[in-house]
C-alpha cells in the first residue's frame, strides 16, 4: 500500500522523491529502507518505486 501511495504522489504531484520528502517532512532513508525490505527500490529515471 505504501508503494502504491508513493507512486501515485510521484506520478501526480512530485517530480522526485526528494521533493516529496521535503514537502511532506518524510525521512527519505526510512522510506527507502521500508520499500527495500519489501523488494522495491526507487527508480530515479522513471520517478517511481519498482519491484526488484
N, C-alpha and C. Protein backbone atom coordinates (compact mmCIF):
# COMPACT_ATOMS: atom_id res chain seq x y z
N UNK A 1 0.82 -1.19 0.00
CA UNK A 1 0.00 0.00 0.00
C UNK A 1 0.87 1.26 0.00
N UNK A 2 1.97 1.23 0.75
CA UNK A 2 2.88 2.37 0.77
C UNK A 2 3.44 2.64 -0.63
N UNK A 3 3.83 1.59 -1.32
CA UNK A 3 4.40 1.76 -2.66
C UNK A 3 3.37 2.37 -3.60
N UNK A 4 2.14 1.92 -3.52
CA UNK A 4 1.08 2.49 -4.37
C UNK A 4 0.88 3.97 -4.08
N UNK A 5 0.86 4.32 -2.81
CA UNK A 5 0.68 5.72 -2.41
C UNK A 5 1.85 6.57 -2.90
N UNK A 6 3.07 6.06 -2.68
CA UNK A 6 4.25 6.80 -3.13
C UNK A 6 4.23 7.00 -4.65
N UNK A 7 3.94 5.95 -5.38
CA UNK A 7 3.91 6.07 -6.84
C UNK A 7 2.83 7.03 -7.32
N UNK A 8 1.69 7.03 -6.65
CA UNK A 8 0.63 7.98 -7.01
C UNK A 8 1.12 9.41 -6.79
N UNK A 9 1.72 9.68 -5.63
CA UNK A 9 2.23 11.02 -5.33
C UNK A 9 3.33 11.42 -6.32
N UNK A 10 4.24 10.49 -6.59
CA UNK A 10 5.34 10.78 -7.52
C UNK A 10 4.81 11.03 -8.93
N UNK A 11 3.82 10.30 -9.34
CA UNK A 11 3.24 10.46 -10.67
C UNK A 11 2.45 11.77 -10.79
N UNK A 12 1.65 12.07 -9.77
CA UNK A 12 0.68 13.17 -9.88
C UNK A 12 1.14 14.51 -9.32
N UNK A 13 2.07 14.49 -8.35
CA UNK A 13 2.37 15.74 -7.66
C UNK A 13 3.84 16.10 -7.52
N UNK A 14 4.74 15.13 -7.60
CA UNK A 14 6.15 15.43 -7.31
C UNK A 14 7.06 14.92 -8.41
N UNK A 15 8.06 15.71 -8.73
CA UNK A 15 8.99 15.30 -9.78
C UNK A 15 10.20 14.53 -9.24
N UNK A 16 10.24 14.30 -7.92
CA UNK A 16 11.32 13.49 -7.35
C UNK A 16 10.94 13.05 -5.93
N UNK A 17 11.59 12.00 -5.49
CA UNK A 17 11.38 11.52 -4.13
C UNK A 17 11.87 12.57 -3.12
N UNK A 18 12.94 13.25 -3.45
CA UNK A 18 13.46 14.29 -2.55
C UNK A 18 12.43 15.39 -2.32
N UNK A 19 11.78 15.83 -3.37
CA UNK A 19 10.76 16.90 -3.22
C UNK A 19 9.57 16.41 -2.41
N UNK A 20 9.15 15.18 -2.65
CA UNK A 20 8.05 14.61 -1.89
C UNK A 20 8.40 14.59 -0.40
N UNK A 21 9.59 14.09 -0.08
CA UNK A 21 10.02 14.00 1.32
C UNK A 21 10.16 15.38 1.96
N UNK A 22 10.73 16.31 1.23
CA UNK A 22 10.87 17.68 1.76
C UNK A 22 9.51 18.30 2.04
N UNK A 23 8.61 18.18 1.09
CA UNK A 23 7.30 18.81 1.22
C UNK A 23 6.46 18.19 2.34
N UNK A 24 6.53 16.87 2.48
CA UNK A 24 5.70 16.18 3.47
C UNK A 24 6.45 15.88 4.76
N UNK A 25 7.69 16.37 4.86
CA UNK A 25 8.53 16.17 6.04
C UNK A 25 8.68 14.68 6.36
N UNK A 26 9.08 13.92 5.35
CA UNK A 26 9.28 12.48 5.49
C UNK A 26 10.76 12.15 5.47
N UNK A 27 11.13 11.07 6.11
CA UNK A 27 12.51 10.60 6.17
C UNK A 27 12.79 9.73 4.93
N UNK A 28 13.54 10.28 4.00
CA UNK A 28 13.81 9.59 2.73
C UNK A 28 14.46 8.24 2.96
N UNK A 29 15.45 8.19 3.83
CA UNK A 29 16.17 6.94 4.07
C UNK A 29 15.27 5.88 4.70
N UNK A 30 14.37 6.30 5.57
CA UNK A 30 13.42 5.35 6.18
C UNK A 30 12.47 4.80 5.12
N UNK A 31 12.03 5.64 4.21
CA UNK A 31 11.16 5.18 3.13
C UNK A 31 11.89 4.18 2.26
N UNK A 32 13.12 4.51 1.88
CA UNK A 32 13.89 3.61 1.03
C UNK A 32 14.15 2.28 1.72
N UNK A 33 14.42 2.31 3.02
CA UNK A 33 14.65 1.07 3.77
C UNK A 33 13.38 0.24 3.84
N UNK A 34 12.25 0.89 4.04
CA UNK A 34 10.98 0.18 4.13
C UNK A 34 10.61 -0.47 2.80
N UNK A 35 10.74 0.27 1.72
CA UNK A 35 10.39 -0.33 0.42
C UNK A 35 11.40 -1.41 0.04
N UNK A 36 12.66 -1.22 0.40
CA UNK A 36 13.69 -2.24 0.10
C UNK A 36 13.40 -3.54 0.84
N UNK A 37 12.88 -3.44 2.05
CA UNK A 37 12.56 -4.65 2.81
C UNK A 37 11.42 -5.43 2.18
N UNK A 38 10.71 -4.80 1.25
CA UNK A 38 9.63 -5.45 0.51
C UNK A 38 10.00 -5.65 -0.97
N UNK A 39 11.31 -5.62 -1.24
CA UNK A 39 11.85 -5.86 -2.58
C UNK A 39 11.48 -4.81 -3.61
N UNK A 40 11.43 -3.55 -3.18
CA UNK A 40 11.22 -2.44 -4.09
C UNK A 40 12.40 -1.48 -3.98
N UNK A 41 12.57 -0.67 -4.99
CA UNK A 41 13.61 0.36 -4.99
C UNK A 41 13.07 1.59 -5.73
N UNK A 42 13.72 2.71 -5.50
CA UNK A 42 13.32 3.95 -6.18
C UNK A 42 14.09 4.06 -7.49
N UNK A 43 13.39 4.14 -8.59
CA UNK A 43 13.96 4.34 -9.91
C UNK A 43 13.90 5.84 -10.23
N UNK A 44 15.04 6.48 -10.09
CA UNK A 44 15.09 7.94 -10.26
C UNK A 44 14.74 8.37 -11.69
N UNK A 45 15.17 7.60 -12.66
CA UNK A 45 14.92 7.94 -14.06
C UNK A 45 13.43 8.01 -14.37
N UNK A 46 12.68 7.05 -13.84
CA UNK A 46 11.23 6.99 -14.08
C UNK A 46 10.42 7.59 -12.95
N UNK A 47 11.10 8.04 -11.90
CA UNK A 47 10.46 8.66 -10.74
C UNK A 47 9.34 7.77 -10.17
N UNK A 48 9.72 6.51 -9.89
CA UNK A 48 8.74 5.60 -9.31
C UNK A 48 9.43 4.47 -8.56
N UNK A 49 8.66 3.87 -7.66
CA UNK A 49 9.12 2.69 -6.95
C UNK A 49 8.88 1.49 -7.86
N UNK A 50 9.88 0.63 -7.95
CA UNK A 50 9.76 -0.55 -8.80
C UNK A 50 10.17 -1.79 -8.02
N UNK A 51 9.61 -2.91 -8.40
CA UNK A 51 9.95 -4.17 -7.75
C UNK A 51 11.27 -4.67 -8.31
N UNK A 52 12.10 -5.22 -7.42
CA UNK A 52 13.40 -5.76 -7.83
C UNK A 52 13.22 -7.03 -8.63
